[in-house]
C-alpha atoms as a PDB file:
ATOM      1  CA  PHE A   1      18.554  16.034 -38.502  1.00  0.00           C
ATOM      2  CA  GLY A   2      16.425  18.667 -36.934  1.00  0.00           C
ATOM      3  CA  SER A   3      13.775  16.152 -35.959  1.00  0.00           C
ATOM      4  CA  VAL A   4      16.450  14.023 -34.312  1.00  0.00           C
ATOM      5  CA  LEU A   5      17.647  16.930 -32.206  1.00  0.00           C
ATOM      6  CA  GLY A   6      14.040  17.710 -31.273  1.00  0.00           C
ATOM      7  CA  SER A   7      13.445  14.126 -30.169  1.00  0.00           C
ATOM      8  CA  VAL A   8      16.634  14.144 -28.072  1.00  0.00           C
ATOM      9  CA  ALA A   9      15.711  17.465 -26.509  1.00  0.00           C
ATOM     10  CA  SER A  10      12.225  16.151 -25.684  1.00  0.00           C
ATOM     11  CA  GLN A  11      13.681  13.054 -24.043  1.00  0.00           C
ATOM     12  CA  ALA A  12      16.086  15.217 -22.048  1.00  0.00           C
ATOM     13  CA  THR A  13      13.219  17.388 -20.889  1.00  0.00           C
ATOM     14  CA  ASP A  14      11.158  14.313 -19.840  1.00  0.00           C
ATOM     15  CA  LEU A  15      14.132  12.972 -17.915  1.00  0.00           C
ATOM     16  CA  GLN A  16      14.690  16.216 -16.149  1.00  0.00           C
ATOM     17  CA  GLU A  17      10.996  16.479 -15.162  1.00  0.00           C
ATOM     18  CA  SER A  18      11.036  12.828 -13.978  1.00  0.00           C
ATOM     19  CA  LEU A  19      14.151  13.474 -11.881  1.00  0.00           C
ATOM     20  CA  GLN A  20      12.701  16.610 -10.407  1.00  0.00           C
ATOM     21  CA  GLN A  21       9.498  14.780  -9.464  1.00  0.00           C
ATOM     22  CA  GLY A  22      11.513  11.949  -7.979  1.00  0.00           C
ATOM     23  CA  VAL A  23      13.560  14.372  -5.919  1.00  0.00           C
ATOM     24  CA  SER A  24      10.332  15.885  -4.657  1.00  0.00           C
ATOM     25  CA  ASP A  25       8.843  12.478  -3.834  1.00  0.00           C
ATOM     26  CA  VAL A  26      11.925  11.246  -1.926  1.00  0.00           C
ATOM     27  CA  ALA A  27      12.232  14.575  -0.142  1.00  0.00           C
ATOM     28  CA  GLU A  28       8.671  14.243   1.177  1.00  0.00           C
ATOM     29  CA  LEU A  29       9.443  10.754   2.505  1.00  0.00           C
ATOM     30  CA  THR A  30      12.548  11.669   4.301  1.00  0.00           C
ATOM     31  CA  ARG A  31      11.580  15.181   5.354  1.00  0.00           C
ATOM     32  CA  LYS A  32       8.090  14.524   6.731  1.00  0.00           C
ATOM     33  CA  SER A  33       8.044  10.970   7.888  1.00  0.00           C
ATOM     34  CA  GLY A  34      11.495  10.427   9.442  1.00  0.00           C
ATOM     35  CA  ALA A  35      12.047   7.453   7.195  1.00  0.00           C
ATOM     36  CA  VAL A  36      15.816   7.683   7.289  1.00  0.00           C
ATOM     37  CA  ASN A  37      15.606   7.728  11.036  1.00  0.00           C
ATOM     38  CA  MET A  38      13.474   4.642  10.915  1.00  0.00           C
ATOM     39  CA  ALA A  39      16.398   2.851   9.256  1.00  0.00           C
ATOM     40  CA  THR A  40      18.460   3.275  12.310  1.00  0.00           C
ATOM     41  CA  SER A  41      15.725   1.676  14.508  1.00  0.00           C
ATOM     42  CA  GLY A  42      15.334  -1.550  12.470  1.00  0.00           C
ATOM     43  CA  ILE A  43      12.387  -0.752  10.244  1.00  0.00           C
ATOM     44  CA  LYS A  44      14.789   0.349   7.500  1.00  0.00           C
ATOM     45  CA  LEU A  45      12.106   1.821   5.320  1.00  0.00           C
ATOM     46  CA  ALA A  46      14.026   4.601   3.619  1.00  0.00           C
ATOM     47  CA  ALA A  47      16.774   2.577   2.012  1.00  0.00           C
ATOM     48  CA  ASP A  48      16.546  -1.148   1.470  1.00  0.00           C
ATOM     49  CA  HIS A  49      12.805  -1.594   1.709  1.00  0.00           C
ATOM     50  CA  THR A  50      11.724   1.423  -0.342  1.00  0.00           C
ATOM     51  CA  ILE A  51      14.079   0.682  -3.110  1.00  0.00           C
ATOM     52  CA  LYS A  52      12.842  -2.933  -3.283  1.00  0.00           C
ATOM     53  CA  MET A  53       9.286  -1.785  -3.342  1.00  0.00           C
ATOM     54  CA  ALA A  54      10.074   0.670  -6.072  1.00  0.00           C
ATOM     55  CA  GLU A  55      11.581  -2.064  -8.127  1.00  0.00           C
ATOM     56  CA  MET A  56       8.733  -4.556  -7.392  1.00  0.00           C
ATOM     57  CA  SER A  57       5.590  -2.457  -7.418  1.00  0.00           C
ATOM     58  CA  LEU A  58       5.612   1.297  -7.316  1.00  0.00           C
ATOM     59  CA  GLU A  59       5.667   1.653 -11.109  1.00  0.00           C
ATOM     60  CA  LYS A  60       4.447   5.060 -12.423  1.00  0.00           C
ATOM     61  CA  ALA A  61       4.772   7.673  -9.633  1.00  0.00           C
ATOM     62  CA  GLY A  62       7.128   5.504  -7.605  1.00  0.00           C
ATOM     63  CA  SER A  63       9.483   4.982 -10.504  1.00  0.00           C
ATOM     64  CA  THR A  64      10.554   8.584 -10.348  1.00  0.00           C
ATOM     65  CA  ALA A  65      11.577   8.078  -6.744  1.00  0.00           C
ATOM     66  CA  LYS A  66      13.472   4.958  -7.711  1.00  0.00           C
ATOM     67  CA  VAL A  67      15.541   6.930 -10.205  1.00  0.00           C
ATOM     68  CA  VAL A  68      16.694   9.216  -7.443  1.00  0.00           C
ATOM     69  CA  LEU A  69      17.160   6.385  -4.969  1.00  0.00           C
ATOM     70  CA  ASP A  70      19.372   4.641  -7.474  1.00  0.00           C
ATOM     71  CA  MET A  71      21.554   7.784  -7.521  1.00  0.00           C
ATOM     72  CA  ALA A  72      21.453   8.242  -3.769  1.00  0.00           C
ATOM     73  CA  ASP A  73      24.976   6.834  -3.185  1.00  0.00           C
ATOM     74  CA  ALA A  74      26.518   9.483  -5.334  1.00  0.00           C
ATOM     75  CA  VAL A  75      24.296  12.264  -4.194  1.00  0.00           C
ATOM     76  CA  THR A  76      23.881  11.719  -0.481  1.00  0.00           C
ATOM     77  CA  GLY A  77      26.386   9.022   0.450  1.00  0.00           C
ATOM     78  CA  VAL A  78      23.537   6.596   1.304  1.00  0.00           C
ATOM     79  CA  ASP A  79      24.154   3.258  -0.514  1.00  0.00           C
ATOM     80  CA  THR A  80      20.604   2.019  -1.156  1.00  0.00           C
ATOM     81  CA  ALA A  81      21.866  -1.091  -2.822  1.00  0.00           C
ATOM     82  CA  SER A  82      23.498  -2.302   0.372  1.00  0.00           C
ATOM     83  CA  GLY A  83      20.587  -1.964   2.675  1.00  0.00           C
ATOM     84  CA  GLY A  84      20.851   1.752   3.448  1.00  0.00           C
ATOM     85  CA  LYS A  85      24.404   1.767   4.785  1.00  0.00           C
ATOM     86  CA  GLY A  86      26.520   4.825   4.426  1.00  0.00           C
ATOM     87  CA  ARG A  87      30.030   4.878   3.077  1.00  0.00           C
ATOM     88  CA  GLY A  88      31.367   4.050   6.543  1.00  0.00           C
ATOM     89  CA  GLY A  89      29.222   0.874   6.708  1.00  0.00           C
ATOM     90  CA  THR A  90      26.717   2.302   9.246  1.00  0.00           C
ATOM     91  CA  LEU A  91      23.121   3.207   8.713  1.00  0.00           C
ATOM     92  CA  ALA A  92      22.355   6.789   7.868  1.00  0.00           C
ATOM     93  CA  GLY A  93      20.772   8.871  10.595  1.00  0.00           C
ATOM     94  CA  SER A  94      18.462  11.969  10.694  1.00  0.00           C
ATOM     95  CA  ASP A  95      17.882  15.084  12.698  1.00  0.00           C
ATOM     96  CA  SER A  96      14.814  14.555  14.939  1.00  0.00           C
ATOM     97  CA  GLN A  97      14.589  18.307  15.547  1.00  0.00           C
ATOM     98  CA  ALA A  98      14.255  18.966  11.829  1.00  0.00           C
ATOM     99  CA  GLN A  99      11.610  16.268  11.535  1.00  0.00           C
ATOM    100  CA  ALA A 100       9.606  17.652  14.466  1.00  0.00           C
ATOM    101  CA  GLU A 101       9.340  21.122  12.870  1.00  0.00           C
ATOM    102  CA  GLU A 102       7.522  19.708   9.862  1.00  0.00           C
ATOM    103  CA  GLU A 103       3.745  19.556   9.358  1.00  0.00           C
ATOM    104  CA  MET A 104       1.706  16.426   9.901  1.00  0.00           C
ATOM    105  CA  LEU A 105       1.862  13.942   7.099  1.00  0.00           C
ATOM    106  CA  THR A 106      -1.533  12.857   5.769  1.00  0.00           C
ATOM    107  CA  PHE A 107      -2.460   9.400   4.622  1.00  0.00           C
ATOM    108  CA  GLY A 108      -3.526  10.679   1.215  1.00  0.00           C
ATOM    109  CA  HIS A 109      -0.162  12.472   0.621  1.00  0.00           C
ATOM    110  CA  ALA A 110       1.879   9.426   1.676  1.00  0.00           C
ATOM    111  CA  PHE A 111      -0.331   7.048  -0.307  1.00  0.00           C
ATOM    112  CA  PHE A 112       0.302   9.217  -3.362  1.00  0.00           C
ATOM    113  CA  ILE A 113       4.079   9.207  -2.917  1.00  0.00           C
ATOM    114  CA  TYR A 114       4.068   5.426  -2.755  1.00  0.00           C
ATOM    115  CA  GLY A 115       2.128   5.193  -6.078  1.00  0.00           C
ATOM    116  CA  GLY A 116      -1.048   3.935  -4.427  1.00  0.00           C
ATOM    117  CA  PRO A 117      -3.433   6.038  -6.627  1.00  0.00           C
ATOM    118  CA  ASP A 118      -1.737   4.689  -9.738  1.00  0.00           C
ATOM    119  CA  HIS A 119      -2.498   1.134  -8.658  1.00  0.00           C
ATOM    120  CA  MET A 120      -6.045   1.963  -7.774  1.00  0.00           C
ATOM    121  CA  ASP A 121      -6.541   3.755 -11.058  1.00  0.00           C
ATOM    122  CA  GLU A 122      -5.206   0.843 -13.114  1.00  0.00           C
ATOM    123  CA  PHE A 123      -7.285  -1.592 -11.088  1.00  0.00           C
ATOM    124  CA  ASP A 124     -10.367   0.561 -11.713  1.00  0.00           C
ATOM    125  CA  SER A 125      -9.602   0.564 -15.422  1.00  0.00           C
ATOM    126  CA  ILE A 126      -9.485  -3.290 -15.439  1.00  0.00           C
ATOM    127  CA  SER A 127     -12.703  -3.500 -13.434  1.00  0.00           C
ATOM    128  CA  THR A 128     -14.487  -1.064 -15.771  1.00  0.00           C
ATOM    129  CA  LYS A 129     -13.408  -2.910 -18.885  1.00  0.00           C
ATOM    130  CA  CYS A 130     -14.680  -6.138 -17.299  1.00  0.00           C
ATOM    131  CA  GLY A 131     -17.914  -4.449 -16.421  1.00  0.00           C
ATOM    132  CA  LYS A 132     -18.419  -3.574 -20.093  1.00  0.00           C
ATOM    133  CA  VAL A 133     -17.698  -7.224 -21.019  1.00  0.00           C
ATOM    134  CA  CYS A 134     -20.333  -8.256 -18.540  1.00  0.00           C
ATOM    135  CA  GLN A 135     -22.890  -5.868 -19.974  1.00  0.00           C
ATOM    136  CA  SER A 136     -22.184  -7.225 -23.470  1.00  0.00           C
ATOM    137  CA  ILE A 137     -22.635 -10.795 -22.215  1.00  0.00           C
ATOM    138  CA  LYS A 138     -25.836  -9.918 -20.379  1.00  0.00           C
ATOM    139  CA  SER A 139     -27.377  -8.380 -23.506  1.00  0.00           C
ATOM    140  CA  LYS A 140     -27.048 -11.761 -25.296  1.00  0.00           C
ATOM    141  CA  LEU A 141     -28.488 -13.857 -22.487  1.00  0.00           C
ATOM    142  CA  SER A 142     -32.098 -14.849 -21.899  1.00  0.00           C
ATOM    143  CA  GLY A 143     -34.224 -17.183 -19.770  1.00  0.00           C
ATOM    144  CA  ASP A 144     -32.321 -19.329 -17.275  1.00  0.00           C
ATOM    145  CA  ASN A 145     -28.895 -18.067 -18.492  1.00  0.00           C
ATOM    146  CA  LYS A 146     -29.912 -14.451 -17.726  1.00  0.00           C
ATOM    147  CA  ALA A 147     -31.310 -15.508 -14.327  1.00  0.00           C
ATOM    148  CA  GLU A 148     -27.987 -17.268 -13.589  1.00  0.00           C
ATOM    149  CA  TYR A 149     -26.116 -14.093 -14.502  1.00  0.00           C
ATOM    150  CA  THR A 150     -28.280 -11.995 -12.266  1.00  0.00           C
ATOM    151  CA  GLU A 151     -27.946 -14.380  -9.312  1.00  0.00           C
ATOM    152  CA  LEU A 152     -24.203 -14.510  -9.701  1.00  0.00           C
ATOM    153  CA  ILE A 153     -23.830 -10.734  -9.649  1.00  0.00           C
ATOM    154  CA  LYS A 154     -26.024 -10.553  -6.450  1.00  0.00           C
ATOM    155  CA  SER A 155     -24.066 -13.320  -4.787  1.00  0.00           C
ATOM    156  CA  LEU A 156     -20.713 -11.721  -5.586  1.00  0.00           C
ATOM    157  CA  GLY A 157     -21.960  -8.444  -4.198  1.00  0.00           C
ATOM    158  CA  ASP A 158     -22.989 -10.166  -0.964  1.00  0.00           C
ATOM    159  CA  ALA A 159     -19.638 -11.889  -0.719  1.00  0.00           C
ATOM    160  CA  PHE A 160     -17.789  -8.608  -1.031  1.00  0.00           C
ATOM    161  CA  ASP A 161     -19.897  -6.801   1.626  1.00  0.00           C
ATOM    162  CA  LEU A 162     -17.410  -6.431   4.483  1.00  0.00           C
ATOM    163  CA  SER A 163     -20.143  -5.152   6.794  1.00  0.00           C
ATOM    164  CA  VAL A 164     -21.233  -8.796   6.963  1.00  0.00           C
ATOM    165  CA  THR A 165     -18.644 -10.287   9.240  1.00  0.00           C
ATOM    166  CA  GLU A 166     -18.625 -13.801   8.017  1.00  0.00           C
ATOM    167  CA  LEU A 167     -19.607 -15.714   4.871  1.00  0.00           C
ATOM    168  CA  GLU A 168     -22.013 -18.669   5.191  1.00  0.00           C
ATOM    169  CA  GLY A 169     -22.139 -22.082   3.684  1.00  0.00           C
ATOM    170  CA  GLN A 170     -19.466 -23.778   1.564  1.00  0.00           C
ATOM    171  CA  ASN A 171     -17.654 -20.535   0.814  1.00  0.00           C
ATOM    172  CA  ALA A 172     -16.849 -19.809   4.482  1.00  0.00           C
ATOM    173  CA  GLY A 173     -13.538 -20.582   6.067  1.00  0.00           C
ATOM    174  CA  HIS A 174     -11.263 -19.730   3.163  1.00  0.00           C
ATOM    175  CA  GLY A 175      -7.900 -18.119   3.944  1.00  0.00           C
ATOM    176  CA  PRO A 176      -5.717 -15.690   1.914  1.00  0.00           C
ATOM    177  CA  LEU A 177      -3.500 -16.898  -0.897  1.00  0.00           C
ATOM    178  CA  ASP A 178      -0.061 -18.268  -0.016  1.00  0.00           C
ATOM    179  CA  SER A 179       1.630 -15.490  -1.944  1.00  0.00           C
ATOM    180  CA  TYR A 180       0.000 -12.912   0.451  1.00  0.00           C
ATOM    181  CA  HIS A 181       2.202 -14.144   3.259  1.00  0.00           C
ATOM    182  CA  ALA A 182       5.441 -13.679   1.319  1.00  0.00           C
ATOM    183  CA  TYR A 183       4.528 -10.371  -0.350  1.00  0.00           C
ATOM    184  CA  VAL A 184       2.266  -8.506   2.074  1.00  0.00           C
ATOM    185  CA  ARG A 185       2.297 -10.075   5.494  1.00  0.00           C
ATOM    186  CA  LYS A 186       6.091 -10.322   5.676  1.00  0.00           C
ATOM    187  CA  ARG A 187       6.412  -6.538   5.216  1.00  0.00           C
ATOM    188  CA  CYS A 188       3.961  -5.898   8.088  1.00  0.00           C
ATOM    189  CA  GLU A 189       5.784  -8.228  10.363  1.00  0.00           C
ATOM    190  CA  GLY A 190       9.166  -6.621   9.711  1.00  0.00           C
ATOM    191  CA  CYS A 191       7.718  -3.150  10.436  1.00  0.00           C
ATOM    192  CA  VAL A 192       5.935  -4.249  13.672  1.00  0.00           C
ATOM    193  CA  LYS A 193       9.220  -5.642  15.021  1.00  0.00           C
ATOM    194  CA  GLY A 194      10.796  -2.204  14.804  1.00  0.00           C
ATOM    195  CA  ILE A 195       8.038  -0.069  16.259  1.00  0.00           C
ATOM    196  CA  GLU A 196       8.774  -0.487  19.913  1.00  0.00           C
ATOM    197  CA  GLY A 197      12.423   0.572  19.518  1.00  0.00           C
ATOM    198  CA  PHE A 198      11.501   3.485  17.347  1.00  0.00           C
ATOM    199  CA  VAL A 199       8.852   4.833  19.741  1.00  0.00           C
ATOM    200  CA  ASN A 200      11.112   4.423  22.784  1.00  0.00           C
ATOM    201  CA  LYS A 201      13.845   6.265  21.059  1.00  0.00           C
ATOM    202  CA  GLU A 202      11.696   9.199  19.972  1.00  0.00           C
ATOM    203  CA  MET A 203       9.845   9.504  23.278  1.00  0.00           C
ATOM    204  CA  SER A 204      13.174   9.481  25.095  1.00  0.00           C
ATOM    205  CA  SER A 205      14.657  12.321  23.036  1.00  0.00           C
ATOM    206  CA  SER A 206      15.688  15.178  25.279  1.00  0.00           C
ATOM    207  CA  GLU A 207      15.818  17.526  22.272  1.00  0.00           C
ATOM    208  CA  LEU A 208      12.051  17.498  21.621  1.00  0.00           C
ATOM    209  CA  SER A 209       8.925  18.578  23.418  1.00  0.00           C
ATOM    210  CA  THR A 210       6.179  15.982  23.958  1.00  0.00           C
ATOM    211  CA  GLU A 211       4.154  17.473  21.162  1.00  0.00           C
ATOM    212  CA  GLN A 212       7.118  17.190  18.817  1.00  0.00           C
ATOM    213  CA  GLN A 213       7.815  13.677  19.822  1.00  0.00           C
ATOM    214  CA  LEU A 214       4.237  12.621  19.107  1.00  0.00           C
ATOM    215  CA  ARG A 215       4.367  14.420  15.732  1.00  0.00           C
ATOM    216  CA  VAL A 216       7.467  12.502  14.616  1.00  0.00           C
ATOM    217  CA  ILE A 217       5.919   9.141  15.694  1.00  0.00           C
ATOM    218  CA  GLN A 218       2.533   9.998  14.122  1.00  0.00           C
ATOM    219  CA  ASN A 219       4.134  10.922  10.769  1.00  0.00           C
ATOM    220  CA  GLU A 220       6.037   7.682  10.770  1.00  0.00           C
ATOM    221  CA  ALA A 221       2.918   5.671  11.659  1.00  0.00           C
ATOM    222  CA  VAL A 222       0.921   7.332   8.918  1.00  0.00           C
ATOM    223  CA  GLN A 223       3.687   6.629   6.391  1.00  0.00           C
ATOM    224  CA  GLN A 224       3.902   3.031   7.395  1.00  0.00           C
ATOM    225  CA  VAL A 225       0.128   2.582   7.100  1.00  0.00           C
ATOM    226  CA  ALA A 226       0.078   4.349   3.702  1.00  0.00           C
ATOM    227  CA  GLU A 227       2.973   2.253   2.353  1.00  0.00           C
ATOM    228  CA  GLN A 228       1.435  -0.991   3.569  1.00  0.00           C
ATOM    229  CA  THR A 229      -1.818   0.043   1.882  1.00  0.00           C
ATOM    230  CA  ALA A 230       0.006   0.818  -1.358  1.00  0.00           C
ATOM    231  CA  VAL A 231       1.695  -2.561  -1.283  1.00  0.00           C
ATOM    232  CA  CYS A 232      -1.700  -4.174  -0.743  1.00  0.00           C
ATOM    233  CA  ALA A 233      -3.155  -2.211  -3.691  1.00  0.00           C
ATOM    234  CA  ASN A 234      -0.418  -3.421  -5.921  1.00  0.00           C
ATOM    235  CA  TYR A 235      -0.880  -7.025  -4.793  1.00  0.00           C
ATOM    236  CA  LEU A 236      -4.680  -6.803  -5.447  1.00  0.00           C
ATOM    237  CA  LEU A 237      -3.961  -5.306  -8.875  1.00  0.00           C
ATOM    238  CA  ARG A 238      -1.781  -8.354  -9.636  1.00  0.00           C
ATOM    239  CA  LEU A 239      -4.518 -10.663  -8.471  1.00  0.00           C
ATOM    240  CA  GLY A 240      -7.105  -8.846 -10.538  1.00  0.00           C
ATOM    241  CA  ARG A 241      -5.023  -9.331 -13.672  1.00  0.00           C
ATOM    242  CA  SER A 242      -4.651 -13.075 -12.753  1.00  0.00           C
ATOM    243  CA  VAL A 243      -8.408 -13.569 -12.292  1.00  0.00           C
ATOM    244  CA  ALA A 244      -9.033 -11.748 -15.591  1.00  0.00           C
ATOM    245  CA  GLU A 245      -6.491 -13.845 -17.519  1.00  0.00           C
ATOM    246  CA  PRO A 246      -9.150 -15.910 -19.410  1.00  0.00           C
ATOM    247  CA  LEU A 247     -10.261 -12.735 -21.026  1.00  0.00           C
ATOM    248  CA  GLY A 248      -6.885 -12.243 -22.740  1.00  0.00           C
ATOM    249  CA  LEU A 249      -7.176  -8.488 -22.353  1.00  0.00           C
ATOM    250  CA  PHE A 250      -4.554  -7.700 -19.637  1.00  0.00           C
ATOM    251  CA  ASP A 251      -0.873  -8.678 -19.001  1.00  0.00           C
ATOM    252  CA  CYS A 252      -0.522 -11.224 -16.227  1.00  0.00           C
ATOM    253  CA  ASP A 253       2.644 -12.276 -14.406  1.00  0.00           C
ATOM    254  CA  GLU A 254       1.006 -14.372 -11.717  1.00  0.00           C
ATOM    255  CA  ASP A 255       0.755 -18.197 -11.951  1.00  0.00           C
ATOM    256  CA  ILE A 256      -2.323 -18.834  -9.840  1.00  0.00           C
ATOM    257  CA  GLU A 257      -4.748 -21.691 -10.297  1.00  0.00           C
ATOM    258  CA  TRP A 258      -8.097 -20.254  -9.422  1.00  0.00           C
ATOM    259  CA  PRO A 259     -11.129 -22.471  -8.467  1.00  0.00           C
ATOM    260  CA  GLU A 260     -13.738 -22.876 -11.243  1.00  0.00           C
ATOM    261  CA  ASP A 261     -16.468 -21.784  -8.876  1.00  0.00           C
ATOM    262  CA  PRO A 262     -16.604 -17.921  -8.980  1.00  0.00           C
ATOM    263  CA  LEU A 263     -17.962 -17.718  -5.504  1.00  0.00           C
ATOM    264  CA  ARG A 264     -14.961 -19.650  -4.166  1.00  0.00           C
ATOM    265  CA  VAL A 265     -12.751 -17.138  -5.977  1.00  0.00           C
ATOM    266  CA  ALA A 266     -14.622 -14.342  -4.282  1.00  0.00           C
ATOM    267  CA  ALA A 267     -14.250 -16.045  -0.890  1.00  0.00           C
ATOM    268  CA  ILE A 268     -10.434 -16.309  -1.340  1.00  0.00           C
ATOM    269  CA  LEU A 269     -10.118 -12.677  -2.394  1.00  0.00           C
ATOM    270  CA  ARG A 270     -12.313 -11.526   0.502  1.00  0.00           C
ATOM    271  CA  ALA A 271     -10.217 -13.457   2.945  1.00  0.00           C
ATOM    272  CA  THR A 272      -7.083 -11.885   1.449  1.00  0.00           C
ATOM    273  CA  VAL A 273      -8.470  -8.398   1.853  1.00  0.00           C
ATOM    274  CA  GLU A 274      -9.587  -9.075   5.411  1.00  0.00           C
ATOM    275  CA  ALA A 275      -6.029 -10.282   6.279  1.00  0.00           C
ATOM    276  CA  MET A 276      -4.678  -7.074   4.710  1.00  0.00           C
ATOM    277  CA  ALA A 277      -6.998  -5.006   6.815  1.00  0.00           C
ATOM    278  CA  ARG A 278      -5.840  -6.846   9.926  1.00  0.00           C
ATOM    279  CA  ASP A 279      -2.232  -6.133   9.038  1.00  0.00           C
ATOM    280  CA  VAL A 280      -2.951  -2.418   8.746  1.00  0.00           C
ATOM    281  CA  LYS A 281      -4.853  -2.468  12.019  1.00  0.00           C
ATOM    282  CA  GLU A 282      -1.892  -4.188  13.660  1.00  0.00           C
ATOM    283  CA  LEU A 283       0.432  -1.382  12.526  1.00  0.00           C
ATOM    284  CA  VAL A 284      -1.968   1.271  13.958  1.00  0.00           C
ATOM    285  CA  GLU A 285      -2.520  -0.531  17.259  1.00  0.00           C
ATOM    286  CA  THR A 286       1.156  -1.260  17.810  1.00  0.00           C
ATOM    287  CA  PHE A 287       2.212   2.384  17.241  1.00  0.00           C
ATOM    288  CA  ALA A 288      -0.664   3.561  19.520  1.00  0.00           C
ATOM    289  CA  ASP A 289      -0.051   0.989  22.215  1.00  0.00           C
ATOM    290  CA  GLU A 290       3.723   1.620  22.367  1.00  0.00           C
ATOM    291  CA  THR A 291       3.076   5.384  22.558  1.00  0.00           C
ATOM    292  CA  GLU A 292       0.365   5.089  25.226  1.00  0.00           C
ATOM    293  CA  LYS A 293       2.780   3.284  27.525  1.00  0.00           C
ATOM    294  CA  PHE A 294       4.363   6.692  28.197  1.00  0.00           C
ATOM    295  CA  SER A 295       1.080   8.106  29.437  1.00  0.00           C
ATOM    296  CA  LYS A 296       0.758   5.757  32.328  1.00  0.00           C
ATOM    297  CA  GLY A 297       1.261   7.810  35.436  1.00  0.00           C
ATOM    298  CA  ASN A 298       1.649  10.920  33.345  1.00  0.00           C
ATOM    299  CA  GLN A 299      -1.663  12.797  33.397  1.00  0.00           C
ATOM    300  CA  GLU A 300      -0.379  15.506  31.035  1.00  0.00           C
ATOM    301  CA  LEU A 301       0.297  12.902  28.322  1.00  0.00           C
ATOM    302  CA  LYS A 302      -2.938  11.026  28.653  1.00  0.00           C
ATOM    303  CA  GLN A 303      -5.038  13.195  26.422  1.00  0.00           C
ATOM    304  CA  PRO A 304      -2.367  13.720  23.743  1.00  0.00           C
ATOM    305  CA  ALA A 305      -1.927   9.982  23.606  1.00  0.00           C
ATOM    306  CA  GLN A 306      -5.669   9.503  23.115  1.00  0.00           C
ATOM    307  CA  ASP A 307      -5.697  12.130  20.386  1.00  0.00           C
ATOM    308  CA  PHE A 308      -2.753  10.356  18.776  1.00  0.00           C
ATOM    309  CA  ARG A 309      -4.671   7.124  18.647  1.00  0.00           C
ATOM    310  CA  ALA A 310      -7.709   8.878  17.183  1.00  0.00           C
ATOM    311  CA  GLU A 311      -5.587  10.288  14.325  1.00  0.00           C
ATOM    312  CA  LEU A 312      -4.164   6.853  13.556  1.00  0.00           C
ATOM    313  CA  ASP A 313      -7.614   5.429  13.552  1.00  0.00           C
ATOM    314  CA  LYS A 314      -8.460   7.907  10.718  1.00  0.00           C
ATOM    315  CA  SER A 315      -5.557   6.575   8.696  1.00  0.00           C
ATOM    316  CA  TYR A 316      -6.798   3.054   9.227  1.00  0.00           C
ATOM    317  CA  THR A 317     -10.302   4.052   8.032  1.00  0.00           C
ATOM    318  CA  SER A 318      -8.751   5.537   4.876  1.00  0.00           C
ATOM    319  CA  ALA A 319      -6.756   2.417   4.313  1.00  0.00           C
ATOM    320  CA  HIS A 320      -9.726   0.188   4.842  1.00  0.00           C
ATOM    321  CA  ASP A 321     -11.774   2.252   2.385  1.00  0.00           C
ATOM    322  CA  LYS A 322      -9.114   1.674  -0.272  1.00  0.00           C
ATOM    323  CA  LEU A 323      -9.042  -2.104   0.306  1.00  0.00           C
ATOM    324  CA  SER A 324     -12.821  -2.239   0.283  1.00  0.00           C
ATOM    325  CA  GLU A 325     -12.963  -0.326  -2.993  1.00  0.00           C
ATOM    326  CA  ALA A 326     -10.589  -2.713  -4.621  1.00  0.00           C
ATOM    327  CA  LEU A 327     -12.487  -5.692  -3.359  1.00  0.00           C
ATOM    328  CA  ARG A 328     -15.787  -4.371  -4.816  1.00  0.00           C
ATOM    329  CA  GLY A 329     -14.015  -3.865  -8.166  1.00  0.00           C
ATOM    330  CA  MET A 330     -13.221  -7.610  -8.273  1.00  0.00           C
ATOM    331  CA  LEU A 331     -16.864  -8.285  -8.774  1.00  0.00           C
ATOM    332  CA  TRP A 332     -16.872  -7.494 -12.505  1.00  0.00           C
ATOM    333  CA  ILE A 333     -13.525  -9.134 -13.036  1.00  0.00           C
ATOM    334  CA  ILE A 334     -14.715 -12.398 -11.627  1.00  0.00           C
ATOM    335  CA  ALA A 335     -18.025 -12.326 -13.427  1.00  0.00           C
ATOM    336  CA  ALA A 336     -16.527 -11.491 -16.806  1.00  0.00           C
ATOM    337  CA  SER A 337     -13.904 -14.204 -16.512  1.00  0.00           C
ATOM    338  CA  HIS A 338     -16.456 -16.762 -15.435  1.00  0.00           C
ATOM    339  CA  PHE A 339     -18.830 -16.171 -18.283  1.00  0.00           C
ATOM    340  CA  ALA A 340     -16.030 -15.815 -20.812  1.00  0.00           C
ATOM    341  CA  SER A 341     -14.724 -19.248 -19.747  1.00  0.00           C
ATOM    342  CA  ASN A 342     -18.115 -20.858 -20.078  1.00  0.00           C
END
């Protein structure tokens, strides 16, 4: 009986810690990034999109936020299940002044809140295991077979070198997978549509100084870039599991028929990552372009607008680094799957 009570107490403690972490995660999103305010402008990140992403992909760290979001109707009056509408049927708002008083949100912090590092860690674990499989296979090869192995590894490395702008030969010209458009591109398009209205609203606020206005917009832009990158990381994780399916070592929910040629697989994955990078760049450029419109004819705003763009470019660089890292990890997954299948 004592052991049963101990187990119940332990579960209660774990739940309490999970809820506390979830409260902290959600507080960071709404407090620093103005996410609830974005809901009123059409991007609707805080309620309907974030809860869907939590259900679909945030898993570990994001699941604690989901627990709290599921309780939001009772706690805050925001009905997350109905697209972020309050009890009166209108979208919840936020206090721009309170947002403006907060510190700048960093890409790393926002990426963590959205569970990005968990996706990257799990992907790295899969890649590392596949690397060990490759080493085991290599140790058993000799002659022409070993030369084939060495050539494939080199070719995959070349294919995943994003500093080379285009692939050559028969593997050039591939586009991203169809599922990318439904899962990743669609989110970016929805966000871009709401940016102009959001920036116009914040830059027209009479309650805030120009510095405060730019801070609110920058925090939101960084959050959007970080969430888009976390969604990309989760999608790449799912693709990695799918490519590795022949190994029988990892769970796979994707039904994708990959080409037999490993270099064609690499070309498709590269095209997918390049499309993701363009999406992130589009978010950054749209936020920066819409904000710079207010600097035309306003000399005092010209330098702050340029600094604003420079900060967003840093977020893009961080996002691009994450995507490039995941793409490089695909090398061992493709190689292990190819040799295991043959």
